[in-house]
Protein backbone atom coordinates (compact mmCIF):
# COMPACT_ATOMS: atom_id res chain seq x y z
CA MET A 1 -0.01 -77.32 80.54
CA THR A 2 -3.78 -75.82 79.12
CA GLU A 3 -6.39 -78.22 79.95
CA TYR A 4 -8.88 -79.77 77.62
CA LYS A 5 -11.96 -81.86 77.39
CA ARG A 6 -10.45 -84.00 74.79
CA GLN A 7 -7.44 -85.88 76.18
CA TYR A 8 -6.88 -88.04 72.96
CA ARG A 9 -8.30 -87.88 69.49
CA GLU A 10 -9.87 -91.43 69.06
CA LEU A 11 -13.82 -91.75 70.44
CA PRO A 12 -16.02 -94.39 70.96
CA ASP A 13 -18.50 -95.35 68.32
CA GLU A 14 -20.98 -94.71 70.40
CA THR A 15 -20.01 -91.08 71.22
CA LYS A 16 -19.34 -90.53 66.83
CA GLN A 17 -22.73 -91.62 66.08
CA LYS A 18 -24.68 -88.84 68.08
CA ILE A 19 -22.29 -86.45 66.94
CA SER A 20 -23.38 -87.87 63.60
CA LEU A 21 -27.31 -88.08 64.51
CA SER A 22 -27.03 -84.42 66.00
CA SER A 23 -25.61 -82.98 62.86
CA ARG A 24 -27.59 -83.89 59.94
CA GLY A 25 -30.03 -81.79 57.69
CA LYS A 26 -27.52 -78.53 59.04
CA LYS A 27 -27.26 -76.56 56.27
CA LYS A 28 -23.40 -74.36 55.35
CA SER A 29 -22.46 -72.11 53.65
CA GLU A 30 -18.98 -72.71 51.14
CA TRP A 31 -17.66 -70.11 53.51
CA HIS A 32 -18.82 -71.37 56.83
CA LYS A 33 -17.21 -74.83 55.64
CA GLU A 34 -14.00 -73.72 54.81
CA HIS A 35 -13.64 -71.75 58.37
CA ILE A 36 -14.60 -74.46 60.04
CA ARG A 37 -12.27 -77.19 57.47
CA GLN A 38 -9.48 -74.60 58.91
CA ALA A 39 -10.05 -74.27 62.55
CA MET A 40 -10.53 -78.28 62.91
CA LEU A 41 -7.23 -79.06 60.89
CA ASP A 42 -5.56 -76.46 63.68
CA TYR A 43 -7.08 -77.41 66.67
CA TRP A 44 -5.87 -81.88 65.51
CA GLN A 45 -2.85 -80.38 65.86
CA THR A 46 -3.05 -79.84 69.16
CA VAL A 47 -4.66 -82.77 70.66
CA PRO A 48 -1.90 -86.14 70.91
CA HIS A 49 -2.86 -89.31 70.08
CA ARG A 50 -3.46 -91.78 72.68
CA PRO A 51 -0.27 -93.62 73.83
CA GLU A 52 -0.09 -97.27 73.46
CA ASN A 53 0.09 -99.60 76.37
CA ASN A 54 2.44 -101.93 74.37
CA ALA A 55 4.07 -98.95 73.36
CA SER A 56 5.09 -97.90 77.20
CA GLN A 57 6.27 -101.12 77.56
CA THR A 58 8.65 -102.00 74.91
CA LEU A 59 10.33 -98.95 75.71
CA ASN A 60 10.62 -100.40 79.48
CA ASP A 61 12.03 -103.42 78.97
CA ALA A 62 14.55 -101.65 75.46
CA GLU A 63 16.19 -99.26 78.77
CA GLU A 64 17.42 -102.64 81.11
């Protein structure tokens, strides 16, 4: 399995704020925006959601 830096989709709010601040003021062409959008759509298809702890306990209870 390929290892990526990001394990799950969810990020802390502090990290989101840092990304937002670092991206401000950078101009991109419409062509470039479209390619970024498509690349991100493809990328997020490969990153799973963080599993919920309650969901795993519910599955274990159902098996018993």
